[in-house]
Amino acid sequence: MNGLVNWVEIQKRVMRMPVMAEKDPGEFWGKSAFMYDKMSKLETDYTSNQLDTIILDAADSVLDVGCGPGRLAVPIAKRVARVTAIDASEEMLRYCKKNAQEQGLTNITTKVLDWKKAVVGKDIEKHDIVIASRSVGLSDLVKLNSAANKYVFVLSFAQSPSLKEVQMSFFEGISEEKLPDVRMNRMFGYNILFNILYDLGIDPNLRVVKDGFTRDYVSRQEAYDDLRQLGEVKKEQEPIFRKNIDKYLIEQPDGGVKFLRETKTYIMWWEPHELNIDLL
């Protein structure tokens, strides 16, 4: 079935990755592993909103595609029989294993695997639940569908600010790194994936939940010292950095401060079945 709008081509243009990410995804994403792990820990309280939407049974096997530092894989492992966490980056998986060990979990298996090259049934077995959160898995919904027995769940930020945008806001006026403006446009949001799925013959479920990043600190200085680790700040740039952070610090009755930056995440899911893939 050919759709009237080529949503797949729109997705390719919107989700275009840097050349290095395509050439060597393991090395590219490995360089950001520390940042993603630290940002994920700021998101722990809000991640529960996503977990409560994902349908899980105690006997389920779960595949987390592009698991990163295990933001979802680790808490999900507490609710199911076993989790397979795959990522192209060994460094990301190192954090995932470390976070699982700190929680006393032994039912997570990590595997270095580039999802774009993976063959279901050969490189990775089918699982009851397949999850792709803010990962390369979102670029191949057909493969996700083929890997699941019960449900497929895809998650990402419902427009901005995304994790990367929040991190970059700490260093506004300091870092030269920029994100493309298209990420800010509602025309290029979760409607793209929704319409791809619809044209494939799927009637996806959709829920948008509150998301965010937060942490309590005993002082502003502690907040500065902690969040400064997410980038590079020269001595002369410190006033700019502190001004950026101050926007999101809330004074607390006990004399401490709370860092808070809220956003939204969408969760889309469906039961796997034969697809209309003519449009691809």
C-alpha atoms as a PDB file:
ATOM      1  CA  MET A   1       0.000   0.000   0.000  1.00  0.00           C
ATOM      2  CA  ASN A   2       1.537   3.301  -1.072  1.00  0.00           C
ATOM      3  CA  GLY A   3       0.756   6.302   1.124  1.00  0.00           C
ATOM      4  CA  LEU A   4      -0.193   9.664  -0.330  1.00  0.00           C
ATOM      5  CA  VAL A   5       2.721  11.194   1.595  1.00  0.00           C
ATOM      6  CA  ASN A   6       6.167   9.572   1.638  1.00  0.00           C
ATOM      7  CA  TRP A   7       6.611   9.568   5.396  1.00  0.00           C
ATOM      8  CA  VAL A   8       9.558   7.187   5.167  1.00  0.00           C
ATOM      9  CA  GLU A   9      11.547   9.670   3.078  1.00  0.00           C
ATOM     10  CA  ILE A  10      10.621  12.479   5.473  1.00  0.00           C
ATOM     11  CA  GLN A  11      11.868  10.366   8.384  1.00  0.00           C
ATOM     12  CA  LYS A  12      15.176   9.693   6.614  1.00  0.00           C
ATOM     13  CA  ARG A  13      15.763  13.415   6.151  1.00  0.00           C
ATOM     14  CA  VAL A  14      14.739  14.381   9.689  1.00  0.00           C
ATOM     15  CA  MET A  15      16.693  11.563  11.370  1.00  0.00           C
ATOM     16  CA  ARG A  16      19.820  11.955   9.240  1.00  0.00           C
ATOM     17  CA  MET A  17      22.834  11.067  11.364  1.00  0.00           C
ATOM     18  CA  PRO A  18      26.363  12.524  11.180  1.00  0.00           C
ATOM     19  CA  VAL A  19      28.669  10.706   8.771  1.00  0.00           C
ATOM     20  CA  MET A  20      30.735   9.299  11.644  1.00  0.00           C
ATOM     21  CA  ALA A  21      27.612   7.859  13.285  1.00  0.00           C
ATOM     22  CA  GLU A  22      26.883   5.937  10.095  1.00  0.00           C
ATOM     23  CA  LYS A  23      30.502   4.917   9.468  1.00  0.00           C
ATOM     24  CA  ASP A  24      31.391   3.771  12.983  1.00  0.00           C
ATOM     25  CA  PRO A  25      28.382   3.999  15.342  1.00  0.00           C
ATOM     26  CA  GLY A  26      30.234   2.217  18.123  1.00  0.00           C
ATOM     27  CA  GLU A  27      32.970   4.816  18.305  1.00  0.00           C
ATOM     28  CA  PHE A  28      30.619   7.762  17.696  1.00  0.00           C
ATOM     29  CA  TRP A  29      28.125   6.922  20.449  1.00  0.00           C
ATOM     30  CA  GLY A  30      30.824   5.637  22.766  1.00  0.00           C
ATOM     31  CA  LYS A  31      32.231   9.148  23.051  1.00  0.00           C
ATOM     32  CA  SER A  32      28.895  10.314  24.486  1.00  0.00           C
ATOM     33  CA  ALA A  33      28.356   7.385  26.859  1.00  0.00           C
ATOM     34  CA  PHE A  34      29.329   9.272  30.026  1.00  0.00           C
ATOM     35  CA  MET A  35      27.024  12.176  29.145  1.00  0.00           C
ATOM     36  CA  TYR A  36      24.059   9.926  28.337  1.00  0.00           C
ATOM     37  CA  ASP A  37      24.523   7.923  31.521  1.00  0.00           C
ATOM     38  CA  LYS A  38      24.652  11.050  33.675  1.00  0.00           C
ATOM     39  CA  MET A  39      21.661  12.643  31.929  1.00  0.00           C
ATOM     40  CA  SER A  40      19.689   9.404  32.236  1.00  0.00           C
ATOM     41  CA  LYS A  41      20.236   9.421  35.979  1.00  0.00           C
ATOM     42  CA  LEU A  42      18.754  12.931  36.144  1.00  0.00           C
ATOM     43  CA  GLU A  43      15.707  11.477  34.375  1.00  0.00           C
ATOM     44  CA  THR A  44      15.134   8.532  36.739  1.00  0.00           C
ATOM     45  CA  ASP A  45      12.082   9.972  38.522  1.00  0.00           C
ATOM     46  CA  TYR A  46      10.267  10.722  35.263  1.00  0.00           C
ATOM     47  CA  THR A  47      11.236   7.444  33.571  1.00  0.00           C
ATOM     48  CA  SER A  48       8.657   5.735  35.773  1.00  0.00           C
ATOM     49  CA  ASN A  49       5.927   7.409  33.696  1.00  0.00           C
ATOM     50  CA  GLN A  50       7.197   5.524  30.655  1.00  0.00           C
ATOM     51  CA  LEU A  51       7.626   2.234  32.505  1.00  0.00           C
ATOM     52  CA  ASP A  52       4.059   2.361  33.757  1.00  0.00           C
ATOM     53  CA  THR A  53       2.828   2.604  30.154  1.00  0.00           C
ATOM     54  CA  ILE A  54       4.883  -0.303  28.793  1.00  0.00           C
ATOM     55  CA  ILE A  55       2.919  -3.577  29.048  1.00  0.00           C
ATOM     56  CA  LEU A  56       5.085  -6.149  30.804  1.00  0.00           C
ATOM     57  CA  ASP A  57       4.497  -9.567  32.356  1.00  0.00           C
ATOM     58  CA  ALA A  58       6.797 -11.272  34.836  1.00  0.00           C
ATOM     59  CA  ALA A  59       7.545 -14.109  32.391  1.00  0.00           C
ATOM     60  CA  ASP A  60       8.394 -11.819  29.440  1.00  0.00           C
ATOM     61  CA  SER A  61      11.636 -11.627  27.511  1.00  0.00           C
ATOM     62  CA  VAL A  62      12.470  -8.047  26.462  1.00  0.00           C
ATOM     63  CA  LEU A  63      14.783  -6.751  23.726  1.00  0.00           C
ATOM     64  CA  ASP A  64      16.013  -3.173  24.193  1.00  0.00           C
ATOM     65  CA  VAL A  65      17.333  -1.914  20.833  1.00  0.00           C
ATOM     66  CA  GLY A  66      19.982   0.770  21.230  1.00  0.00           C
ATOM     67  CA  CYS A  67      19.830   0.461  25.012  1.00  0.00           C
ATOM     68  CA  GLY A  68      22.501   3.069  25.766  1.00  0.00           C
ATOM     69  CA  PRO A  69      23.444   3.070  29.471  1.00  0.00           C
ATOM     70  CA  GLY A  70      20.356   1.005  30.344  1.00  0.00           C
ATOM     71  CA  ARG A  71      17.940   3.800  31.260  1.00  0.00           C
ATOM     72  CA  LEU A  72      15.015   1.490  30.472  1.00  0.00           C
ATOM     73  CA  ALA A  73      16.703  -1.927  30.372  1.00  0.00           C
ATOM     74  CA  VAL A  74      17.752  -1.835  34.036  1.00  0.00           C
ATOM     75  CA  PRO A  75      14.386  -0.947  35.647  1.00  0.00           C
ATOM     76  CA  ILE A  76      12.533  -3.194  33.177  1.00  0.00           C
ATOM     77  CA  ALA A  77      14.714  -6.135  34.284  1.00  0.00           C
ATOM     78  CA  LYS A  78      13.128  -5.787  37.725  1.00  0.00           C
ATOM     79  CA  ARG A  79       9.701  -6.527  36.203  1.00  0.00           C
ATOM     80  CA  VAL A  80      10.391  -9.333  33.702  1.00  0.00           C
ATOM     81  CA  ALA A  81      12.178 -12.666  33.344  1.00  0.00           C
ATOM     82  CA  ARG A  82      15.047 -11.482  31.187  1.00  0.00           C
ATOM     83  CA  VAL A  83      16.295  -8.541  29.137  1.00  0.00           C
ATOM     84  CA  THR A  84      18.625  -8.488  26.146  1.00  0.00           C
ATOM     85  CA  ALA A  85      20.230  -5.053  25.827  1.00  0.00           C
ATOM     86  CA  ILE A  86      21.926  -4.372  22.485  1.00  0.00           C
ATOM     87  CA  ASP A  87      23.949  -1.380  21.353  1.00  0.00           C
ATOM     88  CA  ALA A  88      26.614  -0.666  18.740  1.00  0.00           C
ATOM     89  CA  SER A  89      28.787   0.925  21.448  1.00  0.00           C
ATOM     90  CA  GLU A  90      30.780  -1.205  23.889  1.00  0.00           C
ATOM     91  CA  GLU A  91      31.174   1.873  26.101  1.00  0.00           C
ATOM     92  CA  MET A  92      27.396   2.338  26.345  1.00  0.00           C
ATOM     93  CA  LEU A  93      27.065  -1.330  27.285  1.00  0.00           C
ATOM     94  CA  ARG A  94      29.772  -0.927  29.915  1.00  0.00           C
ATOM     95  CA  TYR A  95      27.595   1.630  31.665  1.00  0.00           C
ATOM     96  CA  CYS A  96      24.537  -0.572  31.182  1.00  0.00           C
ATOM     97  CA  LYS A  97      26.259  -3.533  32.844  1.00  0.00           C
ATOM     98  CA  LYS A  98      27.600  -1.331  35.643  1.00  0.00           C
ATOM     99  CA  ASN A  99      24.128   0.089  36.354  1.00  0.00           C
ATOM    100  CA  ALA A 100      22.618  -3.411  36.348  1.00  0.00           C
ATOM    101  CA  GLN A 101      25.262  -4.687  38.763  1.00  0.00           C
ATOM    102  CA  GLU A 102      24.657  -1.771  41.114  1.00  0.00           C
ATOM    103  CA  GLN A 103      20.988  -2.801  41.236  1.00  0.00           C
ATOM    104  CA  GLY A 104      21.912  -6.428  41.918  1.00  0.00           C
ATOM    105  CA  LEU A 105      20.394  -7.615  38.624  1.00  0.00           C
ATOM    106  CA  THR A 106      21.584 -10.783  36.914  1.00  0.00           C
ATOM    107  CA  ASN A 107      18.910 -11.165  34.217  1.00  0.00           C
ATOM    108  CA  ILE A 108      20.300  -8.632  31.721  1.00  0.00           C
ATOM    109  CA  THR A 109      22.399  -9.863  28.822  1.00  0.00           C
ATOM    110  CA  THR A 110      24.297  -7.196  26.887  1.00  0.00           C
ATOM    111  CA  LYS A 111      25.387  -7.647  23.275  1.00  0.00           C
ATOM    112  CA  VAL A 112      27.403  -5.418  20.955  1.00  0.00           C
ATOM    113  CA  LEU A 113      25.261  -5.254  17.824  1.00  0.00           C
ATOM    114  CA  ASP A 114      24.584  -2.647  15.153  1.00  0.00           C
ATOM    115  CA  TRP A 115      20.810  -2.848  14.678  1.00  0.00           C
ATOM    116  CA  LYS A 116      21.058  -1.598  11.104  1.00  0.00           C
ATOM    117  CA  LYS A 117      23.131  -4.663  10.200  1.00  0.00           C
ATOM    118  CA  ALA A 118      21.390  -7.146  12.499  1.00  0.00           C
ATOM    119  CA  VAL A 119      19.368 -10.020  11.079  1.00  0.00           C
ATOM    120  CA  VAL A 120      16.488 -11.209  13.255  1.00  0.00           C
ATOM    121  CA  GLY A 121      16.700 -14.964  13.734  1.00  0.00           C
ATOM    122  CA  LYS A 122      20.422 -14.969  13.038  1.00  0.00           C
ATOM    123  CA  ASP A 123      22.109 -12.203  15.032  1.00  0.00           C
ATOM    124  CA  ILE A 124      19.297 -11.817  17.554  1.00  0.00           C
ATOM    125  CA  GLU A 125      16.365 -14.014  18.513  1.00  0.00           C
ATOM    126  CA  LYS A 126      12.757 -12.880  18.737  1.00  0.00           C
ATOM    127  CA  HIS A 127      11.590 -11.594  22.124  1.00  0.00           C
ATOM    128  CA  ASP A 128       8.157 -11.127  23.651  1.00  0.00           C
ATOM    129  CA  ILE A 129       8.573  -7.363  23.927  1.00  0.00           C
ATOM    130  CA  VAL A 130      10.770  -5.195  21.712  1.00  0.00           C
ATOM    131  CA  ILE A 131      11.604  -1.636  22.786  1.00  0.00           C
ATOM    132  CA  ALA A 132      13.397   1.133  20.879  1.00  0.00           C
ATOM    133  CA  SER A 133      13.784   4.336  22.859  1.00  0.00           C
ATOM    134  CA  ARG A 134      15.437   7.339  21.172  1.00  0.00           C
ATOM    135  CA  SER A 135      17.593   4.929  19.210  1.00  0.00           C
ATOM    136  CA  VAL A 136      18.498   3.675  15.757  1.00  0.00           C
ATOM    137  CA  GLY A 137      15.639   1.204  16.093  1.00  0.00           C
ATOM    138  CA  LEU A 138      13.200   3.983  15.224  1.00  0.00           C
ATOM    139  CA  SER A 139      14.593   4.019  11.677  1.00  0.00           C
ATOM    140  CA  ASP A 140      13.460   0.451  10.918  1.00  0.00           C
ATOM    141  CA  LEU A 141       9.971  -0.225  12.257  1.00  0.00           C
ATOM    142  CA  VAL A 142       9.566  -3.277  10.027  1.00  0.00           C
ATOM    143  CA  LYS A 143      12.562  -4.985  11.645  1.00  0.00           C
ATOM    144  CA  LEU A 144      11.270  -4.118  15.122  1.00  0.00           C
ATOM    145  CA  ASN A 145       7.923  -5.654  14.175  1.00  0.00           C
ATOM    146  CA  SER A 146       9.640  -8.856  12.995  1.00  0.00           C
ATOM    147  CA  ALA A 147      11.545  -9.239  16.282  1.00  0.00           C
ATOM    148  CA  ALA A 148       8.516  -9.153  18.636  1.00  0.00           C
ATOM    149  CA  ASN A 149       6.072 -11.838  19.711  1.00  0.00           C
ATOM    150  CA  LYS A 150       3.670  -9.718  21.768  1.00  0.00           C
ATOM    151  CA  TYR A 151       4.314  -5.966  21.551  1.00  0.00           C
ATOM    152  CA  VAL A 152       6.629  -3.365  20.058  1.00  0.00           C
ATOM    153  CA  PHE A 153       7.154  -0.094  21.950  1.00  0.00           C
ATOM    154  CA  VAL A 154       8.892   2.942  20.448  1.00  0.00           C
ATOM    155  CA  LEU A 155       9.662   6.022  22.524  1.00  0.00           C
ATOM    156  CA  SER A 156      11.180   9.433  21.999  1.00  0.00           C
ATOM    157  CA  PHE A 157      10.761  13.041  23.010  1.00  0.00           C
ATOM    158  CA  ALA A 158       7.479  14.657  21.967  1.00  0.00           C
ATOM    159  CA  GLN A 159       9.233  17.622  20.373  1.00  0.00           C
ATOM    160  CA  SER A 160      11.644  19.622  22.485  1.00  0.00           C
ATOM    161  CA  PRO A 161      13.507  19.836  24.680  1.00  0.00           C
ATOM    162  CA  SER A 162      15.180  16.482  24.129  1.00  0.00           C
ATOM    163  CA  LEU A 163      17.917  15.054  26.340  1.00  0.00           C
ATOM    164  CA  LYS A 164      20.571  16.462  24.029  1.00  0.00           C
ATOM    165  CA  GLU A 165      18.916  19.885  23.922  1.00  0.00           C
ATOM    166  CA  VAL A 166      18.725  20.026  27.720  1.00  0.00           C
ATOM    167  CA  GLN A 167      22.403  19.095  28.020  1.00  0.00           C
ATOM    168  CA  MET A 168      23.389  21.657  25.384  1.00  0.00           C
ATOM    169  CA  SER A 169      21.407  24.398  27.144  1.00  0.00           C
ATOM    170  CA  PHE A 170      23.847  24.168  30.067  1.00  0.00           C
ATOM    171  CA  PHE A 171      26.614  25.368  27.757  1.00  0.00           C
ATOM    172  CA  GLU A 172      24.754  27.922  25.636  1.00  0.00           C
ATOM    173  CA  GLY A 173      27.167  30.711  24.713  1.00  0.00           C
ATOM    174  CA  ILE A 174      30.082  28.399  25.475  1.00  0.00           C
ATOM    175  CA  SER A 175      29.831  25.451  23.110  1.00  0.00           C
ATOM    176  CA  GLU A 176      29.638  25.889  19.337  1.00  0.00           C
ATOM    177  CA  GLU A 177      27.599  22.696  18.915  1.00  0.00           C
ATOM    178  CA  LYS A 178      24.212  23.261  17.278  1.00  0.00           C
ATOM    179  CA  LEU A 179      21.105  21.161  16.633  1.00  0.00           C
ATOM    180  CA  PRO A 180      19.148  21.497  13.368  1.00  0.00           C
ATOM    181  CA  ASP A 181      16.092  23.759  13.615  1.00  0.00           C
ATOM    182  CA  VAL A 182      13.889  21.009  12.145  1.00  0.00           C
ATOM    183  CA  ARG A 183      13.896  19.294  15.559  1.00  0.00           C
ATOM    184  CA  MET A 184      11.909  22.230  16.941  1.00  0.00           C
ATOM    185  CA  ASN A 185       9.156  22.023  14.311  1.00  0.00           C
ATOM    186  CA  ARG A 186       5.964  20.200  15.302  1.00  0.00           C
ATOM    187  CA  MET A 187       5.513  19.121  11.662  1.00  0.00           C
ATOM    188  CA  PHE A 188       8.403  16.705  12.237  1.00  0.00           C
ATOM    189  CA  GLY A 189       7.311  15.066  15.474  1.00  0.00           C
ATOM    190  CA  TYR A 190       5.831  11.690  16.371  1.00  0.00           C
ATOM    191  CA  ASN A 191       3.293  12.134  13.565  1.00  0.00           C
ATOM    192  CA  ILE A 192       5.964  10.805  11.184  1.00  0.00           C
ATOM    193  CA  LEU A 193       6.264   7.425  12.905  1.00  0.00           C
ATOM    194  CA  PHE A 194       2.518   7.275  13.464  1.00  0.00           C
ATOM    195  CA  ASN A 195       1.828   7.722   9.769  1.00  0.00           C
ATOM    196  CA  ILE A 196       4.522   5.250   8.694  1.00  0.00           C
ATOM    197  CA  LEU A 197       2.901   2.658  10.948  1.00  0.00           C
ATOM    198  CA  TYR A 198      -0.561   3.533   9.667  1.00  0.00           C
ATOM    199  CA  ASP A 199       0.553   3.080   6.051  1.00  0.00           C
ATOM    200  CA  LEU A 200       2.084  -0.278   7.035  1.00  0.00           C
ATOM    201  CA  GLY A 201      -1.371  -1.419   8.140  1.00  0.00           C
ATOM    202  CA  ILE A 202      -0.910  -0.828  11.868  1.00  0.00           C
ATOM    203  CA  ASP A 203      -3.255   1.133  14.118  1.00  0.00           C
ATOM    204  CA  PRO A 204      -0.732   2.236  16.744  1.00  0.00           C
ATOM    205  CA  ASN A 205      -1.556   3.158  20.309  1.00  0.00           C
ATOM    206  CA  LEU A 206      -0.146   6.489  21.455  1.00  0.00           C
ATOM    207  CA  ARG A 207       0.402   8.107  24.810  1.00  0.00           C
ATOM    208  CA  VAL A 208       2.304  11.278  25.675  1.00  0.00           C
ATOM    209  CA  VAL A 209       3.633  11.447  29.247  1.00  0.00           C
ATOM    210  CA  LYS A 210       5.391  14.063  31.336  1.00  0.00           C
ATOM    211  CA  ASP A 211       9.148  13.652  31.277  1.00  0.00           C
ATOM    212  CA  GLY A 212      12.005  15.640  32.713  1.00  0.00           C
ATOM    213  CA  PHE A 213      15.355  15.917  34.437  1.00  0.00           C
ATOM    214  CA  THR A 214      15.704  16.662  38.115  1.00  0.00           C
ATOM    215  CA  ARG A 215      18.036  16.347  41.085  1.00  0.00           C
ATOM    216  CA  ASP A 216      18.280  17.817  44.556  1.00  0.00           C
ATOM    217  CA  TYR A 217      21.497  19.550  45.614  1.00  0.00           C
ATOM    218  CA  VAL A 218      22.595  20.857  48.996  1.00  0.00           C
ATOM    219  CA  SER A 219      23.798  24.100  47.393  1.00  0.00           C
ATOM    220  CA  ARG A 220      24.117  25.935  44.079  1.00  0.00           C
ATOM    221  CA  GLN A 221      27.832  25.185  44.142  1.00  0.00           C
ATOM    222  CA  GLU A 222      27.148  21.461  44.279  1.00  0.00           C
ATOM    223  CA  ALA A 223      24.774  21.818  41.319  1.00  0.00           C
ATOM    224  CA  TYR A 224      27.375  23.737  39.310  1.00  0.00           C
ATOM    225  CA  ASP A 225      30.092  21.188  40.104  1.00  0.00           C
ATOM    226  CA  ASP A 226      27.885  18.254  39.168  1.00  0.00           C
ATOM    227  CA  LEU A 227      26.388  19.586  35.937  1.00  0.00           C
ATOM    228  CA  ARG A 228      29.691  21.053  34.751  1.00  0.00           C
ATOM    229  CA  GLN A 229      30.835  17.456  34.173  1.00  0.00           C
ATOM    230  CA  LEU A 230      28.477  17.274  31.174  1.00  0.00           C
ATOM    231  CA  GLY A 231      30.632  19.580  29.063  1.00  0.00           C
ATOM    232  CA  GLU A 232      33.682  21.804  29.064  1.00  0.00           C
ATOM    233  CA  VAL A 233      33.817  25.195  30.784  1.00  0.00           C
ATOM    234  CA  LYS A 234      36.889  27.397  30.832  1.00  0.00           C
ATOM    235  CA  LYS A 235      37.527  29.574  33.875  1.00  0.00           C
ATOM    236  CA  GLU A 236      36.493  32.756  32.058  1.00  0.00           C
ATOM    237  CA  GLN A 237      33.271  31.058  30.879  1.00  0.00           C
ATOM    238  CA  GLU A 238      32.117  30.124  34.383  1.00  0.00           C
ATOM    239  CA  PRO A 239      29.746  33.130  34.813  1.00  0.00           C
ATOM    240  CA  ILE A 240      27.941  32.217  31.563  1.00  0.00           C
ATOM    241  CA  PHE A 241      27.657  28.580  32.637  1.00  0.00           C
ATOM    242  CA  ARG A 242      26.276  29.473  36.085  1.00  0.00           C
ATOM    243  CA  LYS A 243      23.738  31.839  34.564  1.00  0.00           C
ATOM    244  CA  ASN A 244      22.537  29.024  32.293  1.00  0.00           C
ATOM    245  CA  ILE A 245      22.153  26.635  35.226  1.00  0.00           C
ATOM    246  CA  ASP A 246      20.482  29.212  37.490  1.00  0.00           C
ATOM    247  CA  LYS A 247      17.484  29.327  35.114  1.00  0.00           C
ATOM    248  CA  TYR A 248      16.531  25.833  36.264  1.00  0.00           C
ATOM    249  CA  LEU A 249      17.440  25.881  39.964  1.00  0.00           C
ATOM    250  CA  ILE A 250      14.641  26.189  42.515  1.00  0.00           C
ATOM    251  CA  GLU A 251      15.368  27.252  46.088  1.00  0.00           C
ATOM    252  CA  GLN A 252      14.253  24.678  48.681  1.00  0.00           C
ATOM    253  CA  PRO A 253      13.030  25.270  52.281  1.00  0.00           C
ATOM    254  CA  ASP A 254      16.032  23.379  53.684  1.00  0.00           C
ATOM    255  CA  GLY A 255      18.461  25.769  52.002  1.00  0.00           C
ATOM    256  CA  GLY A 256      19.273  23.459  49.116  1.00  0.00           C
ATOM    257  CA  VAL A 257      18.254  23.763  45.462  1.00  0.00           C
ATOM    258  CA  LYS A 258      16.401  21.532  43.027  1.00  0.00           C
ATOM    259  CA  PHE A 259      17.390  21.314  39.379  1.00  0.00           C
ATOM    260  CA  LEU A 260      14.265  20.852  37.252  1.00  0.00           C
ATOM    261  CA  ARG A 261      13.762  20.811  33.513  1.00  0.00           C
ATOM    262  CA  GLU A 262      10.527  19.244  32.257  1.00  0.00           C
ATOM    263  CA  THR A 263       9.688  17.920  28.822  1.00  0.00           C
ATOM    264  CA  LYS A 264       7.382  15.272  27.275  1.00  0.00           C
ATOM    265  CA  THR A 265       7.912  11.800  25.835  1.00  0.00           C
ATOM    266  CA  TYR A 266       5.675   9.852  23.489  1.00  0.00           C
ATOM    267  CA  ILE A 267       5.162   6.110  23.720  1.00  0.00           C
ATOM    268  CA  MET A 268       3.771   4.322  20.658  1.00  0.00           C
ATOM    269  CA  TRP A 269       3.013   0.618  20.644  1.00  0.00           C
ATOM    270  CA  TRP A 270       1.364  -2.132  18.638  1.00  0.00           C
ATOM    271  CA  GLU A 271       0.947  -5.900  18.399  1.00  0.00           C
ATOM    272  CA  PRO A 272       3.232  -7.311  15.680  1.00  0.00           C
ATOM    273  CA  HIS A 273       1.661  -8.773  12.534  1.00  0.00           C
ATOM    274  CA  GLU A 274       2.180  -9.015   8.786  1.00  0.00           C
ATOM    275  CA  LEU A 275       2.763  -5.601   7.262  1.00  0.00           C
ATOM    276  CA  ASN A 276       2.007  -3.793   4.015  1.00  0.00           C
ATOM    277  CA  ILE A 277       5.569  -3.006   2.998  1.00  0.00           C
ATOM    278  CA  ASP A 278       5.022  -1.877  -0.612  1.00  0.00           C
ATOM    279  CA  LEU A 279       5.714   1.738   0.345  1.00  0.00           C
ATOM    280  CA  LEU A 280       9.240   0.831   1.402  1.00  0.00           C
END
